[in-house]
Amino acid sequence: MQSIVSQSLTQQIATEAINLYQQSLSPYKGFSCPHRILHKGDSCSEYVKKLLTEPSLILAIEGSLQRFRDCAEASKILQYQSSGGCIVVPCCIPI
């Protein structure tokens, strides 16, 4: 029982920390992360908040880490696109 309570408390604290981030820092970044810009949908912070509503804290952490890896990859793609590069290989091959 105590582990369920501490897990729930941890999830509540994490959610409040994300709320604080969204209210204080996110406005300066335009409320968007690279993943949201590239793929549309939820920002990483909103996505992680949703994960934290699930019963398993371990699965929420694993899902969060994967999302941050995906966001880092989205950032690389956006940087490449903004430099005039092409992310679709066939369009870079002369015809």
PDB file of N, CA and C in Angstrom:
ATOM      1  N   MET A   1       0.829  -1.201   0.000  1.00  0.00           N
ATOM      2  CA  MET A   1       0.000   0.000   0.000  1.00  0.00           C
ATOM      3  C   MET A   1       0.866   1.254   0.000  1.00  0.00           C
ATOM      4  N   GLN A   2       1.938   1.230   0.798  1.00  0.00           N
ATOM      5  CA  GLN A   2       2.779   2.416   0.884  1.00  0.00           C
ATOM      6  C   GLN A   2       3.442   2.725  -0.457  1.00  0.00           C
ATOM      7  N   SER A   3       3.846   1.698  -1.219  1.00  0.00           N
ATOM      8  CA  SER A   3       4.478   1.952  -2.510  1.00  0.00           C
ATOM      9  C   SER A   3       3.491   2.586  -3.488  1.00  0.00           C
ATOM     10  N   ILE A   4       2.219   2.208  -3.408  1.00  0.00           N
ATOM     11  CA  ILE A   4       1.202   2.818  -4.267  1.00  0.00           C
ATOM     12  C   ILE A   4       1.026   4.287  -3.905  1.00  0.00           C
ATOM     13  N   VAL A   5       1.008   4.578  -2.607  1.00  0.00           N
ATOM     14  CA  VAL A   5       0.861   5.960  -2.148  1.00  0.00           C
ATOM     15  C   VAL A   5       2.074   6.781  -2.559  1.00  0.00           C
ATOM     16  N   SER A   6       3.280   6.243  -2.367  1.00  0.00           N
ATOM     17  CA  SER A   6       4.478   7.000  -2.726  1.00  0.00           C
ATOM     18  C   SER A   6       4.581   7.172  -4.237  1.00  0.00           C
ATOM     19  N   GLN A   7       4.141   6.167  -5.005  1.00  0.00           N
ATOM     20  CA  GLN A   7       4.134   6.288  -6.462  1.00  0.00           C
ATOM     21  C   GLN A   7       3.172   7.388  -6.876  1.00  0.00           C
ATOM     22  N   SER A   8       1.984   7.404  -6.283  1.00  0.00           N
ATOM     23  CA  SER A   8       0.998   8.429  -6.598  1.00  0.00           C
ATOM     24  C   SER A   8       1.515   9.818  -6.222  1.00  0.00           C
ATOM     25  N   LEU A   9       2.157   9.920  -5.076  1.00  0.00           N
ATOM     26  CA  LEU A   9       2.721  11.201  -4.641  1.00  0.00           C
ATOM     27  C   LEU A   9       3.812  11.649  -5.604  1.00  0.00           C
ATOM     28  N   THR A  10       4.650  10.730  -6.027  1.00  0.00           N
ATOM     29  CA  THR A  10       5.706  11.052  -6.986  1.00  0.00           C
ATOM     30  C   THR A  10       5.103  11.555  -8.291  1.00  0.00           C
ATOM     31  N   GLN A  11       4.045  10.905  -8.751  1.00  0.00           N
ATOM     32  CA  GLN A  11       3.389  11.328  -9.986  1.00  0.00           C
ATOM     33  C   GLN A  11       2.760  12.713  -9.823  1.00  0.00           C
ATOM     34  N   GLN A  12       2.182  12.983  -8.668  1.00  0.00           N
ATOM     35  CA  GLN A  12       1.587  14.300  -8.418  1.00  0.00           C
ATOM     36  C   GLN A  12       2.662  15.381  -8.393  1.00  0.00           C
ATOM     37  N   ILE A  13       3.781  15.101  -7.740  1.00  0.00           N
ATOM     38  CA  ILE A  13       4.875  16.075  -7.669  1.00  0.00           C
ATOM     39  C   ILE A  13       5.432  16.337  -9.064  1.00  0.00           C
ATOM     40  N   ALA A  14       5.621  15.271  -9.842  1.00  0.00           N
ATOM     41  CA  ALA A  14       6.132  15.429 -11.205  1.00  0.00           C
ATOM     42  C   ALA A  14       5.165  16.248 -12.057  1.00  0.00           C
ATOM     43  N   THR A  15       3.883  15.989 -11.918  1.00  0.00           N
ATOM     44  CA  THR A  15       2.878  16.738 -12.676  1.00  0.00           C
ATOM     45  C   THR A  15       2.902  18.212 -12.289  1.00  0.00           C
ATOM     46  N   GLU A  16       3.022  18.505 -11.007  1.00  0.00           N
ATOM     47  CA  GLU A  16       3.096  19.902 -10.561  1.00  0.00           C
ATOM     48  C   GLU A  16       4.364  20.582 -11.067  1.00  0.00           C
ATOM     49  N   ALA A  17       5.460  19.847 -11.113  1.00  0.00           N
ATOM     50  CA  ALA A  17       6.710  20.400 -11.647  1.00  0.00           C
ATOM     51  C   ALA A  17       6.548  20.741 -13.132  1.00  0.00           C
ATOM     52  N   ILE A  18       5.870  19.874 -13.866  1.00  0.00           N
ATOM     53  CA  ILE A  18       5.616  20.142 -15.286  1.00  0.00           C
ATOM     54  C   ILE A  18       4.701  21.354 -15.436  1.00  0.00           C
ATOM     55  N   ASN A  19       3.675  21.464 -14.593  1.00  0.00           N
ATOM     56  CA  ASN A  19       2.793  22.638 -14.631  1.00  0.00           C
ATOM     57  C   ASN A  19       3.590  23.915 -14.407  1.00  0.00           C
ATOM     58  N   LEU A  20       4.493  23.896 -13.438  1.00  0.00           N
ATOM     59  CA  LEU A  20       5.335  25.061 -13.151  1.00  0.00           C
ATOM     60  C   LEU A  20       6.202  25.395 -14.365  1.00  0.00           C
ATOM     61  N   TYR A  21       6.809  24.385 -14.956  1.00  0.00           N
ATOM     62  CA  TYR A  21       7.612  24.585 -16.169  1.00  0.00           C
ATOM     63  C   TYR A  21       6.759  25.209 -17.277  1.00  0.00           C
ATOM     64  N   GLN A  22       5.552  24.665 -17.486  1.00  0.00           N
ATOM     65  CA  GLN A  22       4.692  25.157 -18.563  1.00  0.00           C
ATOM     66  C   GLN A  22       4.274  26.608 -18.345  1.00  0.00           C
ATOM     67  N   GLN A  23       4.117  27.003 -17.095  1.00  0.00           N
ATOM     68  CA  GLN A  23       3.689  28.367 -16.796  1.00  0.00           C
ATOM     69  C   GLN A  23       4.845  29.360 -16.787  1.00  0.00           C
ATOM     70  N   SER A  24       6.050  28.899 -16.427  1.00  0.00           N
ATOM     71  CA  SER A  24       7.148  29.848 -16.264  1.00  0.00           C
ATOM     72  C   SER A  24       8.156  29.843 -17.415  1.00  0.00           C
ATOM     73  N   LEU A  25       8.564  28.698 -17.892  1.00  0.00           N
ATOM     74  CA  LEU A  25       9.597  28.641 -18.929  1.00  0.00           C
ATOM     75  C   LEU A  25       9.049  28.432 -20.337  1.00  0.00           C
ATOM     76  N   SER A  26       8.055  27.614 -20.467  1.00  0.00           N
ATOM     77  CA  SER A  26       7.529  27.278 -21.788  1.00  0.00           C
ATOM     78  C   SER A  26       7.075  28.497 -22.600  1.00  0.00           C
ATOM     79  N   PRO A  27       6.482  29.522 -21.979  1.00  0.00           N
ATOM     80  CA  PRO A  27       6.084  30.694 -22.772  1.00  0.00           C
ATOM     81  C   PRO A  27       7.258  31.341 -23.509  1.00  0.00           C
ATOM     82  N   TYR A  28       8.449  31.269 -22.932  1.00  0.00           N
ATOM     83  CA  TYR A  28       9.622  31.860 -23.567  1.00  0.00           C
ATOM     84  C   TYR A  28      10.119  31.023 -24.744  1.00  0.00           C
ATOM     85  N   LYS A  29       9.691  29.771 -24.802  1.00  0.00           N
ATOM     86  CA  LYS A  29      10.074  28.887 -25.900  1.00  0.00           C
ATOM     87  C   LYS A  29       8.965  28.775 -26.937  1.00  0.00           C
ATOM     88  N   GLY A  30       7.894  29.500 -26.766  1.00  0.00           N
ATOM     89  CA  GLY A  30       6.786  29.444 -27.713  1.00  0.00           C
ATOM     90  C   GLY A  30       5.862  28.256 -27.513  1.00  0.00           C
ATOM     91  N   PHE A  31       5.883  27.671 -26.314  1.00  0.00           N
ATOM     92  CA  PHE A  31       5.005  26.548 -25.955  1.00  0.00           C
ATOM     93  C   PHE A  31       5.211  25.327 -26.854  1.00  0.00           C
ATOM     94  N   SER A  32       6.352  25.226 -27.490  1.00  0.00           N
ATOM     95  CA  SER A  32       6.565  24.122 -28.424  1.00  0.00           C
ATOM     96  C   SER A  32       7.954  23.529 -28.282  1.00  0.00           C
ATOM     97  N   CYS A  33       8.009  22.234 -28.424  1.00  0.00           N
ATOM     98  CA  CYS A  33       9.277  21.518 -28.486  1.00  0.00           C
ATOM     99  C   CYS A  33       9.464  21.056 -29.933  1.00  0.00           C
ATOM    100  N   PRO A  34      10.657  20.596 -30.297  1.00  0.00           N
ATOM    101  CA  PRO A  34      10.865  20.130 -31.672  1.00  0.00           C
ATOM    102  C   PRO A  34       9.893  19.028 -32.102  1.00  0.00           C
ATOM    103  N   HIS A  35       9.548  18.132 -31.187  1.00  0.00           N
ATOM    104  CA  HIS A  35       8.628  17.043 -31.545  1.00  0.00           C
ATOM    105  C   HIS A  35       7.268  17.607 -31.948  1.00  0.00           C
ATOM    106  N   ARG A  36       6.781  18.560 -31.193  1.00  0.00           N
ATOM    107  CA  ARG A  36       5.476  19.160 -31.512  1.00  0.00           C
ATOM    108  C   ARG A  36       5.530  19.917 -32.835  1.00  0.00           C
ATOM    109  N   ILE A  37       6.624  20.619 -33.067  1.00  0.00           N
ATOM    110  CA  ILE A  37       6.751  21.388 -34.304  1.00  0.00           C
ATOM    111  C   ILE A  37       6.790  20.458 -35.515  1.00  0.00           C
ATOM    112  N   LEU A  38       7.547  19.372 -35.416  1.00  0.00           N
ATOM    113  CA  LEU A  38       7.702  18.467 -36.551  1.00  0.00           C
ATOM    114  C   LEU A  38       6.484  17.581 -36.774  1.00  0.00           C
ATOM    115  N   HIS A  39       5.971  17.010 -35.696  1.00  0.00           N
ATOM    116  CA  HIS A  39       4.908  16.008 -35.823  1.00  0.00           C
ATOM    117  C   HIS A  39       3.509  16.522 -35.485  1.00  0.00           C
ATOM    118  N   LYS A  40       3.441  17.775 -35.013  1.00  0.00           N
ATOM    119  CA  LYS A  40       2.175  18.351 -34.520  1.00  0.00           C
ATOM    120  C   LYS A  40       1.766  17.591 -33.251  1.00  0.00           C
ATOM    121  N   GLY A  41       0.628  17.819 -32.736  1.00  0.00           N
ATOM    122  CA  GLY A  41       0.198  17.111 -31.533  1.00  0.00           C
ATOM    123  C   GLY A  41       0.720  17.754 -30.258  1.00  0.00           C
ATOM    124  N   ASP A  42       0.794  16.957 -29.207  1.00  0.00           N
ATOM    125  CA  ASP A  42       1.184  17.451 -27.883  1.00  0.00           C
ATOM    126  C   ASP A  42       2.670  17.775 -27.808  1.00  0.00           C
ATOM    127  N   SER A  43       2.976  18.785 -26.995  1.00  0.00           N
ATOM    128  CA  SER A  43       4.375  19.045 -26.660  1.00  0.00           C
ATOM    129  C   SER A  43       4.855  17.922 -25.747  1.00  0.00           C
ATOM    130  N   CYS A  44       6.154  17.840 -25.558  1.00  0.00           N
ATOM    131  CA  CYS A  44       6.689  16.783 -24.691  1.00  0.00           C
ATOM    132  C   CYS A  44       6.167  16.921 -23.263  1.00  0.00           C
ATOM    133  N   SER A  45       6.089  18.143 -22.765  1.00  0.00           N
ATOM    134  CA  SER A  45       5.624  18.307 -21.385  1.00  0.00           C
ATOM    135  C   SER A  45       4.172  17.860 -21.239  1.00  0.00           C
ATOM    136  N   GLU A  46       3.342  18.174 -22.209  1.00  0.00           N
ATOM    137  CA  GLU A  46       1.939  17.752 -22.150  1.00  0.00           C
ATOM    138  C   GLU A  46       1.832  16.233 -22.288  1.00  0.00           C
ATOM    139  N   TYR A  47       2.643  15.661 -23.159  1.00  0.00           N
ATOM    140  CA  TYR A  47       2.659  14.213 -23.356  1.00  0.00           C
ATOM    141  C   TYR A  47       3.055  13.503 -22.062  1.00  0.00           C
ATOM    142  N   VAL A  48       4.084  14.000 -21.402  1.00  0.00           N
ATOM    143  CA  VAL A  48       4.541  13.374 -20.153  1.00  0.00           C
ATOM    144  C   VAL A  48       3.485  13.526 -19.061  1.00  0.00           C
ATOM    145  N   LYS A  49       2.815  14.672 -19.011  1.00  0.00           N
ATOM    146  CA  LYS A  49       1.731  14.829 -18.032  1.00  0.00           C
ATOM    147  C   LYS A  49       0.657  13.770 -18.235  1.00  0.00           C
ATOM    148  N   LYS A  50       0.332  13.492 -19.475  1.00  0.00           N
ATOM    149  CA  LYS A  50      -0.668  12.449 -19.756  1.00  0.00           C
ATOM    150  C   LYS A  50      -0.156  11.078 -19.323  1.00  0.00           C
ATOM    151  N   LEU A  51       1.124  10.802 -19.568  1.00  0.00           N
ATOM    152  CA  LEU A  51       1.698   9.524 -19.131  1.00  0.00           C
ATOM    153  C   LEU A  51       1.607   9.369 -17.617  1.00  0.00           C
ATOM    154  N   LEU A  52       1.767  10.461 -16.905  1.00  0.00           N
ATOM    155  CA  LEU A  52       1.752  10.413 -15.440  1.00  0.00           C
ATOM    156  C   LEU A  52       0.368  10.126 -14.871  1.00  0.00           C
ATOM    157  N   THR A  53      -0.661  10.168 -15.698  1.00  0.00           N
ATOM    158  CA  THR A  53      -2.000   9.810 -15.215  1.00  0.00           C
ATOM    159  C   THR A  53      -2.209   8.299 -15.241  1.00  0.00           C
ATOM    160  N   GLU A  54      -1.312   7.594 -15.900  1.00  0.00           N
ATOM    161  CA  GLU A  54      -1.396   6.134 -15.952  1.00  0.00           C
ATOM    162  C   GLU A  54      -0.952   5.546 -14.617  1.00  0.00           C
ATOM    163  N   PRO A  55      -1.437   4.367 -14.268  1.00  0.00           N
ATOM    164  CA  PRO A  55      -1.117   3.774 -12.966  1.00  0.00           C
ATOM    165  C   PRO A  55       0.358   3.417 -12.769  1.00  0.00           C
ATOM    166  N   SER A  56       1.068   3.078 -13.832  1.00  0.00           N
ATOM    167  CA  SER A  56       2.446   2.615 -13.676  1.00  0.00           C
ATOM    168  C   SER A  56       3.449   3.757 -13.834  1.00  0.00           C
ATOM    169  N   LEU A  57       4.114   4.089 -12.748  1.00  0.00           N
ATOM    170  CA  LEU A  57       5.144   5.120 -12.787  1.00  0.00           C
ATOM    171  C   LEU A  57       6.317   4.668 -13.654  1.00  0.00           C
ATOM    172  N   ILE A  58       6.671   3.400 -13.585  1.00  0.00           N
ATOM    173  CA  ILE A  58       7.781   2.872 -14.387  1.00  0.00           C
ATOM    174  C   ILE A  58       7.491   3.044 -15.877  1.00  0.00           C
ATOM    175  N   LEU A  59       6.276   2.696 -16.298  1.00  0.00           N
ATOM    176  CA  LEU A  59       5.916   2.863 -17.709  1.00  0.00           C
ATOM    177  C   LEU A  59       5.894   4.340 -18.106  1.00  0.00           C
ATOM    178  N   ALA A  60       5.478   5.204 -17.191  1.00  0.00           N
ATOM    179  CA  ALA A  60       5.479   6.643 -17.466  1.00  0.00           C
ATOM    180  C   ALA A  60       6.904   7.148 -17.664  1.00  0.00           C
ATOM    181  N   ILE A  61       7.819   6.682 -16.842  1.00  0.00           N
ATOM    182  CA  ILE A  61       9.221   7.093 -16.969  1.00  0.00           C
ATOM    183  C   ILE A  61       9.804   6.574 -18.281  1.00  0.00           C
ATOM    184  N   GLU A  62       9.558   5.312 -18.585  1.00  0.00           N
ATOM    185  CA  GLU A  62      10.061   4.738 -19.837  1.00  0.00           C
ATOM    186  C   GLU A  62       9.493   5.478 -21.049  1.00  0.00           C
ATOM    187  N   GLY A  63       8.202   5.768 -21.012  1.00  0.00           N
ATOM    188  CA  GLY A  63       7.574   6.504 -22.108  1.00  0.00           C
ATOM    189  C   GLY A  63       8.129   7.913 -22.244  1.00  0.00           C
ATOM    190  N   SER A  64       8.414   8.545 -21.110  1.00  0.00           N
ATOM    191  CA  SER A  64       8.985   9.895 -21.120  1.00  0.00           C
ATOM    192  C   SER A  64      10.371   9.893 -21.749  1.00  0.00           C
ATOM    193  N   LEU A  65      11.189   8.936 -21.352  1.00  0.00           N
ATOM    194  CA  LEU A  65      12.544   8.856 -21.895  1.00  0.00           C
ATOM    195  C   LEU A  65      12.518   8.626 -23.406  1.00  0.00           C
ATOM    196  N   GLN A  66      11.614   7.769 -23.856  1.00  0.00           N
ATOM    197  CA  GLN A  66      11.497   7.535 -25.301  1.00  0.00           C
ATOM    198  C   GLN A  66      11.043   8.803 -26.015  1.00  0.00           C
ATOM    199  N   ARG A  67      10.115   9.522 -25.424  1.00  0.00           N
ATOM    200  CA  ARG A  67       9.632  10.762 -26.045  1.00  0.00           C
ATOM    201  C   ARG A  67      10.764  11.782 -26.144  1.00  0.00           C
ATOM    202  N   PHE A  68      11.601  11.883 -25.108  1.00  0.00           N
ATOM    203  CA  PHE A  68      12.718  12.827 -25.148  1.00  0.00           C
ATOM    204  C   PHE A  68      13.733  12.422 -26.223  1.00  0.00           C
ATOM    205  N   ARG A  69      13.945  11.121 -26.416  1.00  0.00           N
ATOM    206  CA  ARG A  69      14.822  10.668 -27.510  1.00  0.00           C
ATOM    207  C   ARG A  69      14.206  11.042 -28.863  1.00  0.00           C
ATOM    208  N   ASP A  70      12.904  10.827 -28.993  1.00  0.00           N
ATOM    209  CA  ASP A  70      12.207  11.179 -30.233  1.00  0.00           C
ATOM    210  C   ASP A  70      12.265  12.685 -30.482  1.00  0.00           C
ATOM    211  N   CYS A  71      12.173  13.462 -29.427  1.00  0.00           N
ATOM    212  CA  CYS A  71      12.226  14.922 -29.549  1.00  0.00           C
ATOM    213  C   CYS A  71      13.627  15.369 -29.982  1.00  0.00           C
ATOM    214  N   ALA A  72      14.647  14.728 -29.443  1.00  0.00           N
ATOM    215  CA  ALA A  72      16.022  15.046 -29.848  1.00  0.00           C
ATOM    216  C   ALA A  72      16.214  14.745 -31.333  1.00  0.00           C
ATOM    217  N   GLU A  73      15.646  13.648 -31.795  1.00  0.00           N
ATOM    218  CA  GLU A  73      15.729  13.294 -33.216  1.00  0.00           C
ATOM    219  C   GLU A  73      14.957  14.308 -34.060  1.00  0.00           C
ATOM    220  N   ALA A  74      13.799  14.733 -33.581  1.00  0.00           N
ATOM    221  CA  ALA A  74      13.017  15.751 -34.291  1.00  0.00           C
ATOM    222  C   ALA A  74      13.806  17.054 -34.394  1.00  0.00           C
ATOM    223  N   SER A  75      14.539  17.391 -33.347  1.00  0.00           N
ATOM    224  CA  SER A  75      15.365  18.593 -33.358  1.00  0.00           C
ATOM    225  C   SER A  75      16.429  18.515 -34.448  1.00  0.00           C
ATOM    226  N   LYS A  76      17.060  17.361 -34.577  1.00  0.00           N
ATOM    227  CA  LYS A  76      18.078  17.180 -35.625  1.00  0.00           C
ATOM    228  C   LYS A  76      17.461  17.331 -37.013  1.00  0.00           C
ATOM    229  N   ILE A  77      16.285  16.758 -37.193  1.00  0.00           N
ATOM    230  CA  ILE A  77      15.602  16.851 -38.490  1.00  0.00           C
ATOM    231  C   ILE A  77      15.260  18.301 -38.807  1.00  0.00           C
ATOM    232  N   LEU A  78      14.736  19.026 -37.823  1.00  0.00           N
ATOM    233  CA  LEU A  78      14.383  20.432 -38.042  1.00  0.00           C
ATOM    234  C   LEU A  78      15.616  21.278 -38.336  1.00  0.00           C
ATOM    235  N   GLN A  79      16.718  21.007 -37.652  1.00  0.00           N
ATOM    236  CA  GLN A  79      17.957  21.743 -37.920  1.00  0.00           C
ATOM    237  C   GLN A  79      18.432  21.478 -39.342  1.00  0.00           C
ATOM    238  N   TYR A  80      18.358  20.235 -39.760  1.00  0.00           N
ATOM    239  CA  TYR A  80      18.773  19.875 -41.112  1.00  0.00           C
ATOM    240  C   TYR A  80      17.875  20.546 -42.147  1.00  0.00           C
ATOM    241  N   GLN A  81      16.583  20.538 -41.899  1.00  0.00           N
ATOM    242  CA  GLN A  81      15.643  21.173 -42.827  1.00  0.00           C
ATOM    243  C   GLN A  81      15.895  22.675 -42.916  1.00  0.00           C
ATOM    244  N   SER A  82      16.176  23.308 -41.779  1.00  0.00           N
ATOM    245  CA  SER A  82      16.372  24.760 -41.779  1.00  0.00           C
ATOM    246  C   SER A  82      17.680  25.162 -42.453  1.00  0.00           C
ATOM    247  N   SER A  83      18.620  24.211 -42.571  1.00  0.00           N
ATOM    248  CA  SER A  83      19.886  24.512 -43.239  1.00  0.00           C
ATOM    249  C   SER A  83      19.787  24.271 -44.744  1.00  0.00           C
ATOM    250  N   GLY A  84      18.599  23.930 -45.218  1.00  0.00           N
ATOM    251  CA  GLY A  84      18.393  23.698 -46.638  1.00  0.00           C
ATOM    252  C   GLY A  84      18.617  22.261 -47.050  1.00  0.00           C
ATOM    253  N   GLY A  85      18.865  21.400 -46.076  1.00  0.00           N
ATOM    254  CA  GLY A  85      19.080  19.990 -46.375  1.00  0.00           C
ATOM    255  C   GLY A  85      17.774  19.300 -46.685  1.00  0.00           C
ATOM    256  N   CYS A  86      17.881  18.131 -47.171  1.00  0.00           N
ATOM    257  CA  CYS A  86      16.705  17.352 -47.535  1.00  0.00           C
ATOM    258  C   CYS A  86      16.668  16.098 -46.687  1.00  0.00           C
ATOM    259  N   ILE A  87      15.528  15.778 -46.089  1.00  0.00           N
ATOM    260  CA  ILE A  87      15.450  14.576 -45.266  1.00  0.00           C
ATOM    261  C   ILE A  87      14.896  13.393 -46.040  1.00  0.00           C
ATOM    262  N   VAL A  88      14.419  13.638 -47.249  1.00  0.00           N
ATOM    263  CA  VAL A  88      13.891  12.552 -48.071  1.00  0.00           C
ATOM    264  C   VAL A  88      14.953  12.233 -49.119  1.00  0.00           C
ATOM    265  N   VAL A  89      15.622  11.121 -48.966  1.00  0.00           N
ATOM    266  CA  VAL A  89      16.775  10.794 -49.805  1.00  0.00           C
ATOM    267  C   VAL A  89      16.484  10.878 -51.302  1.00  0.00           C
ATOM    268  N   PRO A  90      15.373  10.299 -51.817  1.00  0.00           N
ATOM    269  CA  PRO A  90      15.166  10.360 -53.264  1.00  0.00           C
ATOM    270  C   PRO A  90      15.125  11.775 -53.836  1.00  0.00           C
ATOM    271  N   CYS A  91      14.697  12.757 -53.080  1.00  0.00           N
ATOM    272  CA  CYS A  91      14.624  14.106 -53.645  1.00  0.00           C
ATOM    273  C   CYS A  91      16.011  14.721 -53.791  1.00  0.00           C
ATOM    274  N   CYS A  92      17.015  14.130 -53.157  1.00  0.00           N
ATOM    275  CA  CYS A  92      18.375  14.648 -53.247  1.00  0.00           C
ATOM    276  C   CYS A  92      19.151  14.019 -54.404  1.00  0.00           C
ATOM    277  N   ILE A  93      18.580  12.993 -55.017  1.00  0.00           N
ATOM    278  CA  ILE A  93      19.260  12.290 -56.099  1.00  0.00           C
ATOM    279  C   ILE A  93      18.879  12.947 -57.423  1.00  0.00           C
ATOM    280  N   PRO A  94      19.882  13.328 -58.222  1.00  0.00           N
ATOM    281  CA  PRO A  94      19.556  13.945 -59.522  1.00  0.00           C
ATOM    282  C   PRO A  94      18.818  12.966 -60.433  1.00  0.00           C
ATOM    283  N   ILE A  95      17.897  13.497 -61.207  1.00  0.00           N
ATOM    284  CA  ILE A  95      17.123  12.649 -62.130  1.00  0.00           C
ATOM    285  C   ILE A  95      17.676  12.812 -63.530  1.00  0.00           C
TER     286      ILE A  95
END
